Amino acid sequence: MAALSAGSRRLFDSAATVATPRRGQTLLRRGDPVTGAYFVLSGALRVFTFSASGAESLLYRVEAGEGCLLALNAAFSELRYPAWVAVETKDTRLLRIPGAVLRELHEREPEVRRYLFQVLSSRLFDLMTKIEQLSTLRVDERLRSHLLRRADAANRVPFTHADLAIHLATSREVVSRQLRRLSAQGIIQTRRGSILILQPDALRQGR
């Protein structure tokens, strides 16, 4: 937003709103009309769908500094939302821009067009990676990869067993069994609501 012209910044400031939804709240359901685009200032959103058996299947997460590709597409195309969106963390803050304002900023500002293209590219990469992992990697391989990618600077992964099951499109029991095995090997340590990676190299090499 810092790159916007003065006129576009005034338009943005007059239209953008900030919301602080509660953790677990469903923001959008499949078939809902989308009147604006959502950008995450802090925390994270989970975008998902359901399988034929009723199991939740994660499409992607939207984290701080990112926007929701499906909401952007719906806002631009004036289509209904094709999935579900839930608030994943308790500290989530969202920036909402009405669709008409976003379309006008897109026409006016090269930086807005660049950012939206970046969101599109990043989300397509995430979805292709997920499809590839589901089709080629075992659950234990997907789990190790996910833990390494989601670990913070202190090697802590702030996910529960249930969270990991959703992200890996498997059951909580399968995830718990794999985590117990890694814990018994001294590679990780499970804690309440999080996992600590003790041996990143061993986790990476699959030992």
C-alpha atoms as a PDB file:
ATOM      1  CA  MET A   1       0.000   0.000   0.000  1.00  0.00           C
ATOM      2  CA  ALA A   2       2.954   2.315   0.524  1.00  0.00           C
ATOM      3  CA  ALA A   3       3.460   2.441  -3.260  1.00  0.00           C
ATOM      4  CA  LEU A   4      -0.054   3.752  -3.992  1.00  0.00           C
ATOM      5  CA  SER A   5      -0.621   7.216  -5.386  1.00  0.00           C
ATOM      6  CA  ALA A   6      -2.162   9.803  -3.062  1.00  0.00           C
ATOM      7  CA  GLY A   7      -5.600   9.449  -4.652  1.00  0.00           C
ATOM      8  CA  SER A   8      -5.566   5.671  -4.476  1.00  0.00           C
ATOM      9  CA  ARG A   9      -4.389   5.777  -0.875  1.00  0.00           C
ATOM     10  CA  ARG A  10      -7.329   8.005   0.053  1.00  0.00           C
ATOM     11  CA  LEU A  11      -9.675   5.559  -1.680  1.00  0.00           C
ATOM     12  CA  PHE A  12      -8.076   2.653   0.140  1.00  0.00           C
ATOM     13  CA  ASP A  13      -8.198   4.377   3.549  1.00  0.00           C
ATOM     14  CA  SER A  14     -11.866   5.275   3.126  1.00  0.00           C
ATOM     15  CA  ALA A  15     -12.944   1.751   2.155  1.00  0.00           C
ATOM     16  CA  ALA A  16     -10.665  -0.757   3.925  1.00  0.00           C
ATOM     17  CA  THR A  17     -11.766  -2.196   7.267  1.00  0.00           C
ATOM     18  CA  VAL A  18     -10.008  -4.382   9.861  1.00  0.00           C
ATOM     19  CA  ALA A  19     -11.686  -7.309  11.621  1.00  0.00           C
ATOM     20  CA  THR A  20     -10.542  -9.581  14.468  1.00  0.00           C
ATOM     21  CA  PRO A  21     -12.592 -12.793  14.161  1.00  0.00           C
ATOM     22  CA  ARG A  22     -12.411 -15.472  16.824  1.00  0.00           C
ATOM     23  CA  ARG A  23     -10.440 -18.668  16.368  1.00  0.00           C
ATOM     24  CA  GLY A  24     -12.542 -21.403  14.753  1.00  0.00           C
ATOM     25  CA  GLN A  25     -15.027 -18.973  13.228  1.00  0.00           C
ATOM     26  CA  THR A  26     -16.186 -19.839   9.711  1.00  0.00           C
ATOM     27  CA  LEU A  27     -15.811 -16.723   7.572  1.00  0.00           C
ATOM     28  CA  LEU A  28     -17.098 -18.105   4.284  1.00  0.00           C
ATOM     29  CA  ARG A  29     -19.025 -21.176   3.215  1.00  0.00           C
ATOM     30  CA  ARG A  30     -19.300 -22.702  -0.206  1.00  0.00           C
ATOM     31  CA  GLY A  31     -21.897 -20.777  -2.193  1.00  0.00           C
ATOM     32  CA  ASP A  32     -21.598 -17.559  -0.172  1.00  0.00           C
ATOM     33  CA  PRO A  33     -21.467 -14.311  -2.149  1.00  0.00           C
ATOM     34  CA  VAL A  34     -18.117 -12.530  -1.848  1.00  0.00           C
ATOM     35  CA  THR A  35     -18.367  -8.759  -1.564  1.00  0.00           C
ATOM     36  CA  GLY A  36     -14.683  -8.093  -0.968  1.00  0.00           C
ATOM     37  CA  ALA A  37     -11.166  -9.447  -0.743  1.00  0.00           C
ATOM     38  CA  TYR A  38      -9.490 -10.529   2.490  1.00  0.00           C
ATOM     39  CA  PHE A  39      -5.847 -10.034   3.428  1.00  0.00           C
ATOM     40  CA  VAL A  40      -4.282 -11.417   6.605  1.00  0.00           C
ATOM     41  CA  LEU A  41      -2.462  -8.896   8.807  1.00  0.00           C
ATOM     42  CA  SER A  42      -1.648 -11.427  11.540  1.00  0.00           C
ATOM     43  CA  GLY A  43      -2.556 -15.018  12.344  1.00  0.00           C
ATOM     44  CA  ALA A  44      -3.828 -17.427   9.688  1.00  0.00           C
ATOM     45  CA  LEU A  45      -6.895 -18.637   7.814  1.00  0.00           C
ATOM     46  CA  ARG A  46      -7.598 -22.174   6.612  1.00  0.00           C
ATOM     47  CA  VAL A  47      -9.211 -22.656   3.197  1.00  0.00           C
ATOM     48  CA  PHE A  48     -10.706 -26.105   2.767  1.00  0.00           C
ATOM     49  CA  THR A  49     -13.313 -28.280   1.142  1.00  0.00           C
ATOM     50  CA  PHE A  50     -14.949 -31.611   2.035  1.00  0.00           C
ATOM     51  CA  SER A  51     -14.481 -35.042   0.496  1.00  0.00           C
ATOM     52  CA  ALA A  52     -17.366 -37.278  -0.523  1.00  0.00           C
ATOM     53  CA  SER A  53     -17.078 -39.021   2.876  1.00  0.00           C
ATOM     54  CA  GLY A  54     -17.432 -35.701   4.714  1.00  0.00           C
ATOM     55  CA  ALA A  55     -13.777 -35.393   5.747  1.00  0.00           C
ATOM     56  CA  GLU A  56     -12.239 -31.930   5.682  1.00  0.00           C
ATOM     57  CA  SER A  57      -9.540 -31.495   3.029  1.00  0.00           C
ATOM     58  CA  LEU A  58      -7.190 -28.524   3.269  1.00  0.00           C
ATOM     59  CA  LEU A  59      -6.593 -26.501   0.098  1.00  0.00           C
ATOM     60  CA  TYR A  60      -4.173 -23.930   1.537  1.00  0.00           C
ATOM     61  CA  ARG A  61      -3.484 -21.607   4.465  1.00  0.00           C
ATOM     62  CA  VAL A  62      -3.457 -17.818   4.242  1.00  0.00           C
ATOM     63  CA  GLU A  63      -0.871 -16.301   6.589  1.00  0.00           C
ATOM     64  CA  ALA A  64       0.283 -12.798   7.527  1.00  0.00           C
ATOM     65  CA  GLY A  65       0.974 -10.669   4.448  1.00  0.00           C
ATOM     66  CA  GLU A  66      -1.012 -12.966   2.152  1.00  0.00           C
ATOM     67  CA  GLY A  67      -4.384 -12.805   0.434  1.00  0.00           C
ATOM     68  CA  CYS A  68      -6.951 -15.483  -0.342  1.00  0.00           C
ATOM     69  CA  LEU A  69      -6.782 -16.427  -4.022  1.00  0.00           C
ATOM     70  CA  LEU A  70     -10.328 -17.798  -4.178  1.00  0.00           C
ATOM     71  CA  ALA A  71     -11.771 -14.699  -2.487  1.00  0.00           C
ATOM     72  CA  LEU A  72      -9.838 -12.452  -4.875  1.00  0.00           C
ATOM     73  CA  ASN A  73     -11.121 -14.397  -7.858  1.00  0.00           C
ATOM     74  CA  ALA A  74     -14.699 -14.306  -6.546  1.00  0.00           C
ATOM     75  CA  ALA A  75     -14.483 -10.583  -5.801  1.00  0.00           C
ATOM     76  CA  PHE A  76     -13.193  -9.808  -9.299  1.00  0.00           C
ATOM     77  CA  SER A  77     -15.559 -12.158 -11.105  1.00  0.00           C
ATOM     78  CA  GLU A  78     -18.571 -11.568  -8.835  1.00  0.00           C
ATOM     79  CA  LEU A  79     -18.885 -15.333  -8.346  1.00  0.00           C
ATOM     80  CA  ARG A  80     -19.896 -17.252  -5.235  1.00  0.00           C
ATOM     81  CA  TYR A  81     -17.195 -18.695  -3.021  1.00  0.00           C
ATOM     82  CA  PRO A  82     -16.276 -22.316  -3.977  1.00  0.00           C
ATOM     83  CA  ALA A  83     -14.923 -23.555  -0.615  1.00  0.00           C
ATOM     84  CA  TRP A  84     -14.920 -22.860   3.139  1.00  0.00           C
ATOM     85  CA  VAL A  85     -12.720 -20.479   5.154  1.00  0.00           C
ATOM     86  CA  ALA A  86     -12.102 -20.775   8.906  1.00  0.00           C
ATOM     87  CA  VAL A  87      -9.963 -18.758  11.313  1.00  0.00           C
ATOM     88  CA  GLU A  88      -7.049 -20.928  12.409  1.00  0.00           C
ATOM     89  CA  THR A  89      -5.335 -18.834  15.107  1.00  0.00           C
ATOM     90  CA  LYS A  90      -6.619 -16.714  17.976  1.00  0.00           C
ATOM     91  CA  ASP A  91      -4.582 -13.618  17.035  1.00  0.00           C
ATOM     92  CA  THR A  92      -5.925 -13.295  13.495  1.00  0.00           C
ATOM     93  CA  ARG A  93      -6.524  -9.798  12.115  1.00  0.00           C
ATOM     94  CA  LEU A  94      -7.980  -9.312   8.648  1.00  0.00           C
ATOM     95  CA  LEU A  95      -7.997  -6.423   6.230  1.00  0.00           C
ATOM     96  CA  ARG A  96     -11.074  -6.352   4.001  1.00  0.00           C
ATOM     97  CA  ILE A  97     -11.329  -4.325   0.777  1.00  0.00           C
ATOM     98  CA  PRO A  98     -14.671  -4.099  -1.090  1.00  0.00           C
ATOM     99  CA  GLY A  99     -14.573  -5.761  -4.494  1.00  0.00           C
ATOM    100  CA  ALA A 100     -15.432  -2.577  -6.400  1.00  0.00           C
ATOM    101  CA  VAL A 101     -12.573  -0.702  -4.700  1.00  0.00           C
ATOM    102  CA  LEU A 102     -10.106  -3.503  -5.348  1.00  0.00           C
ATOM    103  CA  ARG A 103     -11.060  -3.587  -9.038  1.00  0.00           C
ATOM    104  CA  GLU A 104     -10.538   0.180  -9.276  1.00  0.00           C
ATOM    105  CA  LEU A 105      -7.151  -0.024  -7.552  1.00  0.00           C
ATOM    106  CA  HIS A 106      -6.204  -2.841  -9.928  1.00  0.00           C
ATOM    107  CA  GLU A 107      -6.954  -0.586 -12.895  1.00  0.00           C
ATOM    108  CA  ARG A 108      -5.081   2.383 -11.429  1.00  0.00           C
ATOM    109  CA  GLU A 109      -2.003   0.910  -9.778  1.00  0.00           C
ATOM    110  CA  PRO A 110       0.765  -1.305 -11.251  1.00  0.00           C
ATOM    111  CA  GLU A 111       1.825  -2.303  -7.722  1.00  0.00           C
ATOM    112  CA  VAL A 112      -1.616  -3.727  -6.997  1.00  0.00           C
ATOM    113  CA  ARG A 113      -1.507  -5.738 -10.228  1.00  0.00           C
ATOM    114  CA  ARG A 114       1.962  -7.014  -9.322  1.00  0.00           C
ATOM    115  CA  TYR A 115       0.833  -8.063  -5.838  1.00  0.00           C
ATOM    116  CA  LEU A 116      -2.265  -9.870  -7.093  1.00  0.00           C
ATOM    117  CA  PHE A 117      -0.202 -11.752  -9.677  1.00  0.00           C
ATOM    118  CA  GLN A 118       2.177 -12.755  -6.877  1.00  0.00           C
ATOM    119  CA  VAL A 119      -0.753 -14.114  -4.843  1.00  0.00           C
ATOM    120  CA  LEU A 120      -1.967 -16.084  -7.866  1.00  0.00           C
ATOM    121  CA  SER A 121       1.482 -17.567  -8.549  1.00  0.00           C
ATOM    122  CA  SER A 122       2.086 -18.508  -4.913  1.00  0.00           C
ATOM    123  CA  ARG A 123      -1.279 -20.214  -4.479  1.00  0.00           C
ATOM    124  CA  LEU A 124      -0.985 -22.183  -7.712  1.00  0.00           C
ATOM    125  CA  PHE A 125       2.418 -23.418  -6.557  1.00  0.00           C
ATOM    126  CA  ASP A 126       0.982 -24.437  -3.163  1.00  0.00           C
ATOM    127  CA  LEU A 127      -1.891 -26.339  -4.771  1.00  0.00           C
ATOM    128  CA  MET A 128       0.370 -28.121  -7.258  1.00  0.00           C
ATOM    129  CA  THR A 129       2.757 -29.085  -4.437  1.00  0.00           C
ATOM    130  CA  LYS A 130      -0.123 -30.483  -2.395  1.00  0.00           C
ATOM    131  CA  ILE A 131      -1.441 -32.512  -5.334  1.00  0.00           C
ATOM    132  CA  GLU A 132       2.038 -33.891  -6.015  1.00  0.00           C
ATOM    133  CA  GLN A 133       2.602 -34.846  -2.372  1.00  0.00           C
ATOM    134  CA  LEU A 134      -0.762 -36.543  -2.048  1.00  0.00           C
ATOM    135  CA  SER A 135      -0.120 -38.608  -5.164  1.00  0.00           C
ATOM    136  CA  THR A 136       3.553 -39.504  -4.655  1.00  0.00           C
ATOM    137  CA  LEU A 137       4.537 -39.323  -0.956  1.00  0.00           C
ATOM    138  CA  ARG A 138       3.655 -41.570   1.969  1.00  0.00           C
ATOM    139  CA  VAL A 139       1.998 -40.025   5.037  1.00  0.00           C
ATOM    140  CA  ASP A 140       5.230 -40.143   7.071  1.00  0.00           C
ATOM    141  CA  GLU A 141       7.095 -38.337   4.271  1.00  0.00           C
ATOM    142  CA  ARG A 142       4.410 -35.671   4.025  1.00  0.00           C
ATOM    143  CA  LEU A 143       4.466 -35.245   7.801  1.00  0.00           C
ATOM    144  CA  ARG A 144       8.236 -34.722   7.947  1.00  0.00           C
ATOM    145  CA  SER A 145       8.088 -32.238   5.081  1.00  0.00           C
ATOM    146  CA  HIS A 146       5.230 -30.328   6.699  1.00  0.00           C
ATOM    147  CA  LEU A 147       6.928 -30.130  10.096  1.00  0.00           C
ATOM    148  CA  LEU A 148      10.129 -28.775   8.561  1.00  0.00           C
ATOM    149  CA  ARG A 149       8.275 -26.181   6.474  1.00  0.00           C
ATOM    150  CA  ARG A 150       6.105 -24.948   9.334  1.00  0.00           C
ATOM    151  CA  ALA A 151       8.760 -24.792  12.064  1.00  0.00           C
ATOM    152  CA  ASP A 152       9.667 -21.353  13.407  1.00  0.00           C
ATOM    153  CA  ALA A 153      13.166 -20.096  14.294  1.00  0.00           C
ATOM    154  CA  ALA A 154      13.057 -22.102  17.537  1.00  0.00           C
ATOM    155  CA  ASN A 155      12.119 -25.308  15.639  1.00  0.00           C
ATOM    156  CA  ARG A 156       8.616 -25.192  17.125  1.00  0.00           C
ATOM    157  CA  VAL A 157       5.565 -26.183  15.064  1.00  0.00           C
ATOM    158  CA  PRO A 158       2.397 -24.640  16.584  1.00  0.00           C
ATOM    159  CA  PHE A 159      -0.009 -27.354  15.411  1.00  0.00           C
ATOM    160  CA  THR A 160      -2.015 -29.988  17.274  1.00  0.00           C
ATOM    161  CA  HIS A 161      -2.346 -33.575  16.067  1.00  0.00           C
ATOM    162  CA  ALA A 162      -5.792 -32.710  14.704  1.00  0.00           C
ATOM    163  CA  ASP A 163      -4.407 -29.684  12.839  1.00  0.00           C
ATOM    164  CA  LEU A 164      -1.729 -31.835  11.201  1.00  0.00           C
ATOM    165  CA  ALA A 165      -4.292 -34.447  10.195  1.00  0.00           C
ATOM    166  CA  ILE A 166      -6.303 -31.789   8.372  1.00  0.00           C
ATOM    167  CA  HIS A 167      -3.236 -30.410   6.625  1.00  0.00           C
ATOM    168  CA  LEU A 168      -2.074 -33.855   5.535  1.00  0.00           C
ATOM    169  CA  ALA A 169      -5.532 -35.108   4.507  1.00  0.00           C
ATOM    170  CA  THR A 170      -5.372 -38.107   6.821  1.00  0.00           C
ATOM    171  CA  SER A 171      -6.764 -39.163  10.201  1.00  0.00           C
ATOM    172  CA  ARG A 172      -5.681 -37.932  13.618  1.00  0.00           C
ATOM    173  CA  GLU A 173      -4.855 -41.510  14.634  1.00  0.00           C
ATOM    174  CA  VAL A 174      -2.410 -41.898  11.738  1.00  0.00           C
ATOM    175  CA  VAL A 175      -0.687 -38.615  12.601  1.00  0.00           C
ATOM    176  CA  SER A 176      -0.467 -39.496  16.301  1.00  0.00           C
ATOM    177  CA  ARG A 177       1.102 -42.869  15.482  1.00  0.00           C
ATOM    178  CA  GLN A 178       3.738 -41.247  13.261  1.00  0.00           C
ATOM    179  CA  LEU A 179       4.492 -38.577  15.880  1.00  0.00           C
ATOM    180  CA  ARG A 180       4.912 -41.212  18.603  1.00  0.00           C
ATOM    181  CA  ARG A 181       7.434 -43.010  16.408  1.00  0.00           C
ATOM    182  CA  LEU A 182       9.419 -39.806  15.802  1.00  0.00           C
ATOM    183  CA  SER A 183       9.254 -38.957  19.502  1.00  0.00           C
ATOM    184  CA  ALA A 184      10.526 -42.423  20.495  1.00  0.00           C
ATOM    185  CA  GLN A 185      13.503 -41.874  18.180  1.00  0.00           C
ATOM    186  CA  GLY A 186      14.283 -38.572  19.899  1.00  0.00           C
ATOM    187  CA  ILE A 187      13.698 -36.581  16.709  1.00  0.00           C
ATOM    188  CA  ILE A 188      10.760 -34.532  18.034  1.00  0.00           C
ATOM    189  CA  GLN A 189       9.064 -33.747  21.317  1.00  0.00           C
ATOM    190  CA  THR A 190       5.307 -33.377  21.454  1.00  0.00           C
ATOM    191  CA  ARG A 191       3.873 -30.659  23.665  1.00  0.00           C
ATOM    192  CA  ARG A 192       0.403 -29.354  24.355  1.00  0.00           C
ATOM    193  CA  GLY A 193      -0.686 -27.640  21.148  1.00  0.00           C
ATOM    194  CA  SER A 194       2.740 -27.799  19.495  1.00  0.00           C
ATOM    195  CA  ILE A 195       5.661 -29.968  18.415  1.00  0.00           C
ATOM    196  CA  LEU A 196       9.353 -29.247  19.028  1.00  0.00           C
ATOM    197  CA  ILE A 197      11.850 -30.535  16.465  1.00  0.00           C
ATOM    198  CA  LEU A 198      14.933 -31.771  18.335  1.00  0.00           C
ATOM    199  CA  GLN A 199      16.888 -33.159  15.358  1.00  0.00           C
ATOM    200  CA  PRO A 200      16.047 -31.263  12.142  1.00  0.00           C
ATOM    201  CA  ASP A 201      18.680 -33.103  10.112  1.00  0.00           C
ATOM    202  CA  ALA A 202      17.355 -36.514  11.126  1.00  0.00           C
ATOM    203  CA  LEU A 203      13.816 -35.403  10.356  1.00  0.00           C
ATOM    204  CA  ARG A 204      14.929 -34.117   6.961  1.00  0.00           C
ATOM    205  CA  GLN A 205      16.759 -37.335   6.100  1.00  0.00           C
ATOM    206  CA  GLY A 206      13.913 -39.573   7.234  1.00  0.00           C
ATOM    207  CA  ARG A 207      15.893 -41.517   9.802  1.00  0.00           C
END
